[in-house]
């Protein structure tokens, strides 16, 4: 069965909502949860996720809120922290590793940490039994892909196009999927531009999909109350999970 990874922004609209939403996604069939760490300059994310990041920061989000919520969430669903390298660098990777172990979080997704710099941190993560997810883009050469996947952990994040999340662009991913699978048995998940309309096509040849903007768009809908947001996102997750496994 193909897997569904869901991204939500921690602390928006509230920390309590984040916990309730995460537990509902687990019930809806989501396999892995990306808990987004709000950051002021989320360079890989489009305007939808960027807006949620800024709103969470305006609401007073702090890292301790991420750690607190994770302790309630991680026992119920495979959880990763998705964030940009700046907080990891300034606070120290050791802090995040220790907090992840305490809360049951299983690893990190850091989109602006290139392979060459990630190598410095992978040994300490491996020792802590935590994964650091590798990214591959359609622009990567075959040599680069082989280098990236050599020590890949948990799953590989295939960026569906060169750009930002949520833009809905389309590219033929089959050639690069074939190349990746020639060099690794690590599961391959496709992200960027995945929603209920595109999920089935994006999942072709892959082992799963990663959905963010489609869910966060609902989080930002101020015409819905909290319960309605949870219901709508949960139903969307169920629909996507069904479509990728048709």
C-alpha atoms as a PDB file:
ATOM      1  CA  UNK A   1       0.000   0.000   0.000  1.00  0.00           C
ATOM      2  CA  UNK A   2       1.279   3.453  -0.918  1.00  0.00           C
ATOM      3  CA  UNK A   3       1.913   5.812   1.962  1.00  0.00           C
ATOM      4  CA  UNK A   4       0.570   9.278   2.726  1.00  0.00           C
ATOM      5  CA  UNK A   5       2.684  11.880   4.501  1.00  0.00           C
ATOM      6  CA  UNK A   6       0.825  14.964   5.765  1.00  0.00           C
ATOM      7  CA  UNK A   7       2.323  18.331   6.649  1.00  0.00           C
ATOM      8  CA  UNK A   8       0.685  20.747   9.091  1.00  0.00           C
ATOM      9  CA  UNK A   9       2.040  23.960  10.591  1.00  0.00           C
ATOM     10  CA  UNK A  10       2.625  23.616  14.324  1.00  0.00           C
ATOM     11  CA  UNK A  11       0.812  26.173  16.449  1.00  0.00           C
ATOM     12  CA  UNK A  12      -1.704  27.385  13.894  1.00  0.00           C
ATOM     13  CA  UNK A  13      -4.398  28.227  14.657  1.00  0.00           C
ATOM     14  CA  UNK A  14      -3.398  27.010  18.143  1.00  0.00           C
ATOM     15  CA  UNK A  15      -1.199  24.386  19.759  1.00  0.00           C
ATOM     16  CA  UNK A  16      -4.236  22.501  21.036  1.00  0.00           C
ATOM     17  CA  UNK A  17      -5.657  22.436  17.514  1.00  0.00           C
ATOM     18  CA  UNK A  18      -2.350  21.048  16.198  1.00  0.00           C
ATOM     19  CA  UNK A  19      -2.575  18.097  18.595  1.00  0.00           C
ATOM     20  CA  UNK A  20      -6.222  17.421  17.768  1.00  0.00           C
ATOM     21  CA  UNK A  21      -5.542  17.709  14.025  1.00  0.00           C
ATOM     22  CA  UNK A  22      -2.575  15.360  14.205  1.00  0.00           C
ATOM     23  CA  UNK A  23      -4.516  12.694  16.072  1.00  0.00           C
ATOM     24  CA  UNK A  24      -7.393  13.015  13.580  1.00  0.00           C
ATOM     25  CA  UNK A  25      -4.963  12.559  10.666  1.00  0.00           C
ATOM     26  CA  UNK A  26      -3.667   9.382  12.289  1.00  0.00           C
ATOM     27  CA  UNK A  27      -7.243   8.093  12.429  1.00  0.00           C
ATOM     28  CA  UNK A  28      -7.784   9.129   8.796  1.00  0.00           C
ATOM     29  CA  UNK A  29      -5.018   6.826   7.568  1.00  0.00           C
ATOM     30  CA  UNK A  30      -2.056   9.190   7.344  1.00  0.00           C
ATOM     31  CA  UNK A  31       1.130   7.154   7.734  1.00  0.00           C
ATOM     32  CA  UNK A  32       3.626   9.879   8.644  1.00  0.00           C
ATOM     33  CA  UNK A  33       3.115  13.395   9.975  1.00  0.00           C
ATOM     34  CA  UNK A  34       5.387  16.337   9.201  1.00  0.00           C
ATOM     35  CA  UNK A  35       5.109  18.820  12.039  1.00  0.00           C
ATOM     36  CA  UNK A  36       6.196  22.096  10.486  1.00  0.00           C
ATOM     37  CA  UNK A  37       8.422  24.375  12.569  1.00  0.00           C
ATOM     38  CA  UNK A  38       7.221  27.929  11.801  1.00  0.00           C
ATOM     39  CA  UNK A  39       9.983  30.075  10.360  1.00  0.00           C
ATOM     40  CA  UNK A  40      10.008  33.639   9.052  1.00  0.00           C
ATOM     41  CA  UNK A  41      11.593  32.786   5.690  1.00  0.00           C
ATOM     42  CA  UNK A  42      10.400  29.325   4.526  1.00  0.00           C
ATOM     43  CA  UNK A  43      12.241  29.416   1.196  1.00  0.00           C
ATOM     44  CA  UNK A  44      10.937  26.117  -0.220  1.00  0.00           C
ATOM     45  CA  UNK A  45       7.312  26.831   0.610  1.00  0.00           C
ATOM     46  CA  UNK A  46       4.710  28.676  -1.394  1.00  0.00           C
ATOM     47  CA  UNK A  47       2.435  31.487  -0.198  1.00  0.00           C
ATOM     48  CA  UNK A  48      -0.071  29.187   1.546  1.00  0.00           C
ATOM     49  CA  UNK A  49       2.415  27.531   3.896  1.00  0.00           C
ATOM     50  CA  UNK A  50       4.330  30.791   4.272  1.00  0.00           C
ATOM     51  CA  UNK A  51       1.157  32.533   5.462  1.00  0.00           C
ATOM     52  CA  UNK A  52       0.484  29.815   8.049  1.00  0.00           C
ATOM     53  CA  UNK A  53       4.107  30.076   9.231  1.00  0.00           C
ATOM     54  CA  UNK A  54       3.785  33.811   9.765  1.00  0.00           C
ATOM     55  CA  UNK A  55       0.422  33.502  11.528  1.00  0.00           C
ATOM     56  CA  UNK A  56       1.845  30.889  13.913  1.00  0.00           C
ATOM     57  CA  UNK A  57       4.795  33.163  14.704  1.00  0.00           C
ATOM     58  CA  UNK A  58       2.433  36.089  15.258  1.00  0.00           C
ATOM     59  CA  UNK A  59       0.503  33.867  17.675  1.00  0.00           C
ATOM     60  CA  UNK A  60       3.690  33.494  19.715  1.00  0.00           C
ATOM     61  CA  UNK A  61       5.029  30.138  18.513  1.00  0.00           C
ATOM     62  CA  UNK A  62       8.216  29.014  20.237  1.00  0.00           C
ATOM     63  CA  UNK A  63      10.248  25.828  19.872  1.00  0.00           C
ATOM     64  CA  UNK A  64       9.113  24.569  23.269  1.00  0.00           C
ATOM     65  CA  UNK A  65       5.581  24.490  21.832  1.00  0.00           C
ATOM     66  CA  UNK A  66       6.786  22.067  19.140  1.00  0.00           C
ATOM     67  CA  UNK A  67       8.416  19.860  21.755  1.00  0.00           C
ATOM     68  CA  UNK A  68       5.323  19.911  23.972  1.00  0.00           C
ATOM     69  CA  UNK A  69       2.907  19.049  21.165  1.00  0.00           C
ATOM     70  CA  UNK A  70       5.155  16.292  19.868  1.00  0.00           C
ATOM     71  CA  UNK A  71       5.020  14.436  23.170  1.00  0.00           C
ATOM     72  CA  UNK A  72       1.251  14.177  22.750  1.00  0.00           C
ATOM     73  CA  UNK A  73       1.353  13.355  19.035  1.00  0.00           C
ATOM     74  CA  UNK A  74       4.345  11.080  18.386  1.00  0.00           C
ATOM     75  CA  UNK A  75       3.079   8.088  20.415  1.00  0.00           C
ATOM     76  CA  UNK A  76       0.116   7.870  18.018  1.00  0.00           C
ATOM     77  CA  UNK A  77       1.639   8.498  14.566  1.00  0.00           C
ATOM     78  CA  UNK A  78       5.076   8.332  12.947  1.00  0.00           C
ATOM     79  CA  UNK A  79       6.244  11.939  13.343  1.00  0.00           C
ATOM     80  CA  UNK A  80       8.985  14.029  11.733  1.00  0.00           C
ATOM     81  CA  UNK A  81       9.949  17.636  12.349  1.00  0.00           C
ATOM     82  CA  UNK A  82      10.103  19.723   9.182  1.00  0.00           C
ATOM     83  CA  UNK A  83      12.040  22.939   9.517  1.00  0.00           C
ATOM     84  CA  UNK A  84      14.707  25.166   8.037  1.00  0.00           C
ATOM     85  CA  UNK A  85      18.312  24.887   9.119  1.00  0.00           C
ATOM     86  CA  UNK A  86      18.573  28.243  10.889  1.00  0.00           C
ATOM     87  CA  UNK A  87      16.958  27.091  14.194  1.00  0.00           C
ATOM     88  CA  UNK A  88      18.912  23.808  14.150  1.00  0.00           C
ATOM     89  CA  UNK A  89      22.153  25.752  13.674  1.00  0.00           C
ATOM     90  CA  UNK A  90      21.492  28.404  16.310  1.00  0.00           C
ATOM     91  CA  UNK A  91      20.038  26.110  18.988  1.00  0.00           C
ATOM     92  CA  UNK A  92      22.353  23.183  18.216  1.00  0.00           C
ATOM     93  CA  UNK A  93      21.506  19.892  16.581  1.00  0.00           C
ATOM     94  CA  UNK A  94      22.081  18.107  19.884  1.00  0.00           C
ATOM     95  CA  UNK A  95      19.079  19.904  21.402  1.00  0.00           C
ATOM     96  CA  UNK A  96      16.778  18.729  18.627  1.00  0.00           C
ATOM     97  CA  UNK A  97      18.119  15.184  18.758  1.00  0.00           C
ATOM     98  CA  UNK A  98      17.603  14.990  22.525  1.00  0.00           C
ATOM     99  CA  UNK A  99      14.111  16.497  22.329  1.00  0.00           C
ATOM    100  CA  UNK A 100      13.156  14.165  19.469  1.00  0.00           C
ATOM    101  CA  UNK A 101      14.237  11.135  21.482  1.00  0.00           C
ATOM    102  CA  UNK A 102      12.301  12.340  24.525  1.00  0.00           C
ATOM    103  CA  UNK A 103       9.100  12.870  22.548  1.00  0.00           C
ATOM    104  CA  UNK A 104       9.296   9.852  20.228  1.00  0.00           C
ATOM    105  CA  UNK A 105       9.837  11.852  17.035  1.00  0.00           C
ATOM    106  CA  UNK A 106      11.625   9.759  14.399  1.00  0.00           C
ATOM    107  CA  UNK A 107      13.618  12.284  12.394  1.00  0.00           C
ATOM    108  CA  UNK A 108      13.946  15.556  10.529  1.00  0.00           C
ATOM    109  CA  UNK A 109      13.186  17.121   7.162  1.00  0.00           C
ATOM    110  CA  UNK A 110      15.436  20.140   6.533  1.00  0.00           C
ATOM    111  CA  UNK A 111      14.929  21.366   2.946  1.00  0.00           C
ATOM    112  CA  UNK A 112      17.749  23.923   2.923  1.00  0.00           C
ATOM    113  CA  UNK A 113      20.429  21.571   4.280  1.00  0.00           C
ATOM    114  CA  UNK A 114      22.395  20.268   1.274  1.00  0.00           C
ATOM    115  CA  UNK A 115      23.862  16.783   1.150  1.00  0.00           C
ATOM    116  CA  UNK A 116      27.428  17.976   1.713  1.00  0.00           C
ATOM    117  CA  UNK A 117      26.512  19.754   4.958  1.00  0.00           C
ATOM    118  CA  UNK A 118      24.077  17.057   6.077  1.00  0.00           C
ATOM    119  CA  UNK A 119      26.928  14.542   6.199  1.00  0.00           C
ATOM    120  CA  UNK A 120      28.261  16.252   9.312  1.00  0.00           C
ATOM    121  CA  UNK A 121      25.047  15.473  11.202  1.00  0.00           C
ATOM    122  CA  UNK A 122      24.021  12.059   9.886  1.00  0.00           C
ATOM    123  CA  UNK A 123      26.336  10.016  12.164  1.00  0.00           C
ATOM    124  CA  UNK A 124      24.935  11.581  15.351  1.00  0.00           C
ATOM    125  CA  UNK A 125      21.399  11.062  14.063  1.00  0.00           C
ATOM    126  CA  UNK A 126      22.107   7.452  13.161  1.00  0.00           C
ATOM    127  CA  UNK A 127      23.487   6.870  16.650  1.00  0.00           C
ATOM    128  CA  UNK A 128      20.233   8.282  18.054  1.00  0.00           C
ATOM    129  CA  UNK A 129      18.178   6.123  15.646  1.00  0.00           C
ATOM    130  CA  UNK A 130      16.781   9.219  13.920  1.00  0.00           C
ATOM    131  CA  UNK A 131      16.415   9.799  10.184  1.00  0.00           C
ATOM    132  CA  UNK A 132      17.445  12.835   8.149  1.00  0.00           C
ATOM    133  CA  UNK A 133      15.373  12.813   4.967  1.00  0.00           C
ATOM    134  CA  UNK A 134      17.184  13.333   1.665  1.00  0.00           C
ATOM    135  CA  UNK A 135      15.772  15.418  -1.187  1.00  0.00           C
ATOM    136  CA  UNK A 136      16.061  14.768  -4.910  1.00  0.00           C
ATOM    137  CA  UNK A 137      14.991  17.263  -7.583  1.00  0.00           C
ATOM    138  CA  UNK A 138      14.203  16.674 -11.279  1.00  0.00           C
ATOM    139  CA  UNK A 139      17.295  18.731 -12.120  1.00  0.00           C
ATOM    140  CA  UNK A 140      19.693  16.353 -10.324  1.00  0.00           C
ATOM    141  CA  UNK A 141      22.060  14.354 -12.522  1.00  0.00           C
ATOM    142  CA  UNK A 142      22.253  10.559 -12.408  1.00  0.00           C
ATOM    143  CA  UNK A 143      25.598  10.838 -10.630  1.00  0.00           C
ATOM    144  CA  UNK A 144      24.142  13.192  -8.058  1.00  0.00           C
ATOM    145  CA  UNK A 145      21.128  10.937  -7.485  1.00  0.00           C
ATOM    146  CA  UNK A 146      23.377   7.934  -6.880  1.00  0.00           C
ATOM    147  CA  UNK A 147      25.393   9.980  -4.367  1.00  0.00           C
ATOM    148  CA  UNK A 148      22.268  11.172  -2.522  1.00  0.00           C
ATOM    149  CA  UNK A 149      20.584   7.776  -2.197  1.00  0.00           C
ATOM    150  CA  UNK A 150      23.681   5.865  -1.037  1.00  0.00           C
ATOM    151  CA  UNK A 151      22.944   6.480   2.645  1.00  0.00           C
ATOM    152  CA  UNK A 152      19.272   7.490   2.426  1.00  0.00           C
ATOM    153  CA  UNK A 153      17.091   6.809   5.456  1.00  0.00           C
ATOM    154  CA  UNK A 154      13.392   6.135   5.968  1.00  0.00           C
ATOM    155  CA  UNK A 155      12.270   7.614   2.637  1.00  0.00           C
ATOM    156  CA  UNK A 156      13.503   9.851  -0.164  1.00  0.00           C
ATOM    157  CA  UNK A 157      11.653  13.109  -0.793  1.00  0.00           C
ATOM    158  CA  UNK A 158      11.306  13.577  -4.549  1.00  0.00           C
ATOM    159  CA  UNK A 159      10.497  17.184  -5.358  1.00  0.00           C
ATOM    160  CA  UNK A 160       7.924  17.025  -8.160  1.00  0.00           C
ATOM    161  CA  UNK A 161       9.269  20.117  -9.903  1.00  0.00           C
ATOM    162  CA  UNK A 162      11.886  22.843  -9.523  1.00  0.00           C
ATOM    163  CA  UNK A 163      10.102  25.562  -7.564  1.00  0.00           C
ATOM    164  CA  UNK A 164       8.103  26.053  -4.369  1.00  0.00           C
ATOM    165  CA  UNK A 165       5.363  24.016  -2.714  1.00  0.00           C
ATOM    166  CA  UNK A 166       1.768  24.460  -3.744  1.00  0.00           C
ATOM    167  CA  UNK A 167       2.297  25.837  -7.248  1.00  0.00           C
ATOM    168  CA  UNK A 168       0.695  22.786  -8.864  1.00  0.00           C
ATOM    169  CA  UNK A 169       3.132  22.471 -11.749  1.00  0.00           C
ATOM    170  CA  UNK A 170       3.481  19.169 -13.560  1.00  0.00           C
ATOM    171  CA  UNK A 171       6.521  17.286 -14.825  1.00  0.00           C
ATOM    172  CA  UNK A 172       7.056  13.754 -16.090  1.00  0.00           C
ATOM    173  CA  UNK A 173       8.657  12.077 -13.095  1.00  0.00           C
ATOM    174  CA  UNK A 174       8.922   8.554 -14.492  1.00  0.00           C
ATOM    175  CA  UNK A 175      12.499   8.845 -15.827  1.00  0.00           C
ATOM    176  CA  UNK A 176      13.865  10.159 -12.525  1.00  0.00           C
ATOM    177  CA  UNK A 177      11.828   7.640 -10.496  1.00  0.00           C
ATOM    178  CA  UNK A 178      13.328   4.838 -12.598  1.00  0.00           C
ATOM    179  CA  UNK A 179      16.832   6.213 -12.026  1.00  0.00           C
ATOM    180  CA  UNK A 180      16.330   6.465  -8.262  1.00  0.00           C
ATOM    181  CA  UNK A 181      14.957   2.944  -7.968  1.00  0.00           C
ATOM    182  CA  UNK A 182      17.950   1.573  -9.876  1.00  0.00           C
ATOM    183  CA  UNK A 183      20.206   2.697  -7.024  1.00  0.00           C
ATOM    184  CA  UNK A 184      18.221   2.180  -3.796  1.00  0.00           C
ATOM    185  CA  UNK A 185      15.503   0.197  -2.093  1.00  0.00           C
ATOM    186  CA  UNK A 186      14.620   3.153   0.179  1.00  0.00           C
ATOM    187  CA  UNK A 187      10.961   4.140  -0.338  1.00  0.00           C
ATOM    188  CA  UNK A 188      10.409   7.106  -2.624  1.00  0.00           C
ATOM    189  CA  UNK A 189       7.706   9.686  -1.891  1.00  0.00           C
ATOM    190  CA  UNK A 190       6.680  12.542  -4.184  1.00  0.00           C
ATOM    191  CA  UNK A 191       5.978  15.995  -2.773  1.00  0.00           C
ATOM    192  CA  UNK A 192       5.190  19.517  -4.068  1.00  0.00           C
ATOM    193  CA  UNK A 193       1.875  20.172  -5.804  1.00  0.00           C
ATOM    194  CA  UNK A 194       0.160  17.032  -4.487  1.00  0.00           C
ATOM    195  CA  UNK A 195      -3.565  17.356  -3.782  1.00  0.00           C
ATOM    196  CA  UNK A 196      -6.758  15.354  -4.261  1.00  0.00           C
ATOM    197  CA  UNK A 197      -6.701  16.099  -8.011  1.00  0.00           C
ATOM    198  CA  UNK A 198      -3.049  15.319  -8.700  1.00  0.00           C
ATOM    199  CA  UNK A 199      -2.243  12.632  -6.112  1.00  0.00           C
ATOM    200  CA  UNK A 200      -2.982   9.577  -8.258  1.00  0.00           C
ATOM    201  CA  UNK A 201      -0.756  10.764 -11.117  1.00  0.00           C
ATOM    202  CA  UNK A 202       2.020  11.940  -8.800  1.00  0.00           C
ATOM    203  CA  UNK A 203       2.046   8.571  -7.023  1.00  0.00           C
ATOM    204  CA  UNK A 204       2.635   6.612 -10.220  1.00  0.00           C
ATOM    205  CA  UNK A 205       5.825   4.599  -9.802  1.00  0.00           C
ATOM    206  CA  UNK A 206       6.436   6.028  -6.324  1.00  0.00           C
ATOM    207  CA  UNK A 207       5.852   4.508  -2.890  1.00  0.00           C
ATOM    208  CA  UNK A 208       3.825   7.406  -1.537  1.00  0.00           C
ATOM    209  CA  UNK A 209       3.047  11.114  -1.628  1.00  0.00           C
ATOM    210  CA  UNK A 210       3.615  14.107   0.617  1.00  0.00           C
ATOM    211  CA  UNK A 211       0.772  16.617   0.984  1.00  0.00           C
ATOM    212  CA  UNK A 212       1.134  20.031   2.597  1.00  0.00           C
ATOM    213  CA  UNK A 213      -0.405  23.067   0.921  1.00  0.00           C
ATOM    214  CA  UNK A 214      -3.717  21.297   0.248  1.00  0.00           C
ATOM    215  CA  UNK A 215      -4.164  20.738   3.992  1.00  0.00           C
ATOM    216  CA  UNK A 216      -2.784  24.090   5.126  1.00  0.00           C
ATOM    217  CA  UNK A 217      -5.169  25.870   2.759  1.00  0.00           C
ATOM    218  CA  UNK A 218      -8.013  24.481   4.875  1.00  0.00           C
ATOM    219  CA  UNK A 219      -6.233  25.540   8.085  1.00  0.00           C
ATOM    220  CA  UNK A 220      -6.255  29.099   6.767  1.00  0.00           C
ATOM    221  CA  UNK A 221      -9.961  29.109   5.849  1.00  0.00           C
ATOM    222  CA  UNK A 222     -11.459  31.531   8.359  1.00  0.00           C
ATOM    223  CA  UNK A 223     -15.019  30.618   7.338  1.00  0.00           C
ATOM    224  CA  UNK A 224     -14.571  27.261   9.121  1.00  0.00           C
ATOM    225  CA  UNK A 225     -14.410  26.591  12.840  1.00  0.00           C
ATOM    226  CA  UNK A 226     -11.892  24.187  14.358  1.00  0.00           C
ATOM    227  CA  UNK A 227     -14.104  21.105  14.189  1.00  0.00           C
ATOM    228  CA  UNK A 228     -14.997  21.832  10.565  1.00  0.00           C
ATOM    229  CA  UNK A 229     -11.324  22.223   9.657  1.00  0.00           C
ATOM    230  CA  UNK A 230     -10.458  18.901  11.258  1.00  0.00           C
ATOM    231  CA  UNK A 231     -13.332  17.146   9.496  1.00  0.00           C
ATOM    232  CA  UNK A 232     -12.488  18.648   6.112  1.00  0.00           C
ATOM    233  CA  UNK A 233      -8.769  17.876   6.308  1.00  0.00           C
ATOM    234  CA  UNK A 234      -9.423  14.351   7.595  1.00  0.00           C
ATOM    235  CA  UNK A 235     -11.815  13.655   4.725  1.00  0.00           C
ATOM    236  CA  UNK A 236      -9.301  15.088   2.259  1.00  0.00           C
ATOM    237  CA  UNK A 237      -6.606  12.804   3.652  1.00  0.00           C
ATOM    238  CA  UNK A 238      -8.874   9.776   3.312  1.00  0.00           C
ATOM    239  CA  UNK A 239      -9.694  10.730  -0.279  1.00  0.00           C
ATOM    240  CA  UNK A 240      -6.028  11.133  -1.220  1.00  0.00           C
ATOM    241  CA  UNK A 241      -5.055   7.857   0.473  1.00  0.00           C
ATOM    242  CA  UNK A 242      -7.767   6.050  -1.468  1.00  0.00           C
ATOM    243  CA  UNK A 243      -6.782   7.638  -4.781  1.00  0.00           C
ATOM    244  CA  UNK A 244      -3.107   6.763  -4.556  1.00  0.00           C
ATOM    245  CA  UNK A 245      -4.039   3.152  -3.842  1.00  0.00           C
ATOM    246  CA  UNK A 246      -6.664   2.674  -6.563  1.00  0.00           C
END
